Amino acid sequence: MSLTSRQTAAQRGGRLPARFADSHLQHLESVLGYATRKRATQSGELDHVYWERRIRALEDTHHLVESQRSRIAKLLGMLR
């Protein structure tokens, strides 16, 4: 199921369980970690708006546990 489908479910009032967020978090950490190592965040190669939107969508569509919220805070910090 794509994140877009999950956004639709969230808009109807339902959120997905936290266990479904881990694979998305892992992907975001991988992409942003790579971009940070390559300094793409500073050179303008990384679309900050797009990636922040992806992170926020994950927040809005899942019931997250505290450790996942911490990971999201770190990801948002990487974008800054």
Protein backbone atom coordinates (compact mmCIF):
# COMPACT_ATOMS: atom_id res chain seq x y z
CA MET A 1 0.00 0.00 0.00
CA SER A 2 1.44 3.37 -0.95
CA LEU A 3 1.74 6.36 1.36
CA THR A 4 -0.87 8.12 -0.78
CA SER A 5 -3.40 5.40 0.01
CA ARG A 6 -2.58 5.78 3.67
CA GLN A 7 -3.16 9.52 3.52
CA THR A 8 -6.64 8.81 2.23
CA ALA A 9 -7.26 6.45 5.14
CA ALA A 10 -5.98 9.06 7.59
CA GLN A 11 -8.25 11.69 6.13
CA ARG A 12 -11.19 9.37 6.86
CA GLY A 13 -10.17 9.39 10.51
CA GLY A 14 -8.17 6.18 10.69
CA ARG A 15 -4.47 5.93 11.36
CA LEU A 16 -2.27 2.96 10.69
CA PRO A 17 -0.46 1.08 13.45
CA ALA A 18 3.08 2.12 14.35
CA ARG A 19 4.52 -1.14 13.04
CA PHE A 20 3.78 -0.04 9.48
CA ALA A 21 5.84 3.15 9.89
CA ASP A 22 9.22 1.49 10.44
CA SER A 23 9.91 0.65 6.81
CA HIS A 24 9.07 4.23 5.78
CA LEU A 25 11.29 5.63 8.52
CA GLN A 26 14.12 3.36 7.45
CA HIS A 27 13.81 4.59 3.86
CA LEU A 28 13.74 8.24 4.90
CA GLU A 29 16.77 7.75 7.16
CA SER A 30 18.64 6.07 4.35
CA VAL A 31 17.90 8.79 1.78
CA LEU A 32 18.53 11.72 4.09
CA GLY A 33 21.61 10.05 5.58
CA TYR A 34 23.07 9.60 2.12
CA ALA A 35 22.20 13.18 1.14
CA THR A 36 23.78 14.51 4.32
CA ARG A 37 26.98 12.57 3.74
CA LYS A 38 27.11 13.87 0.16
CA ARG A 39 26.27 17.40 1.36
CA ALA A 40 23.29 17.47 -1.02
CA THR A 41 21.19 19.23 1.61
CA GLN A 42 23.47 22.27 1.46
CA SER A 43 24.08 22.31 -2.28
CA GLY A 44 20.40 22.46 -3.15
CA GLU A 45 20.31 18.99 -4.72
CA LEU A 46 17.76 17.78 -2.18
CA ASP A 47 14.19 19.05 -2.39
CA HIS A 48 13.61 19.97 1.27
CA VAL A 49 9.91 20.70 0.78
CA TYR A 50 9.26 17.29 -0.77
CA TRP A 51 11.10 15.35 1.94
CA GLU A 52 9.56 17.35 4.76
CA ARG A 53 6.14 16.66 3.25
CA ARG A 54 6.95 12.93 3.21
CA ILE A 55 8.00 13.02 6.86
CA ARG A 56 4.91 14.98 7.91
CA ALA A 57 2.66 12.60 5.97
CA LEU A 58 4.13 9.70 7.91
CA GLU A 59 3.44 11.54 11.15
CA ASP A 60 -0.14 12.26 10.13
CA THR A 61 -1.04 8.78 8.94
CA HIS A 62 0.37 6.51 11.67
CA HIS A 63 -0.01 6.04 15.40
CA LEU A 64 3.65 6.49 16.27
CA VAL A 65 5.46 5.37 19.40
CA GLU A 66 7.95 7.61 21.17
CA SER A 67 11.04 6.07 19.54
CA GLN A 68 9.51 6.69 16.11
CA ARG A 69 8.73 10.29 17.04
CA SER A 70 12.39 10.71 18.02
CA ARG A 71 13.47 9.35 14.65
CA ILE A 72 11.16 11.83 12.91
CA ALA A 73 12.63 14.71 14.94
CA LYS A 74 16.12 13.62 13.84
CA LEU A 75 15.03 13.45 10.21
CA LEU A 76 13.57 16.95 10.37
CA GLY A 77 16.82 18.13 11.93
CA MET A 78 18.77 16.63 9.03
CA LEU A 79 16.76 18.76 6.62
CA ARG A 80 17.74 21.97 8.42
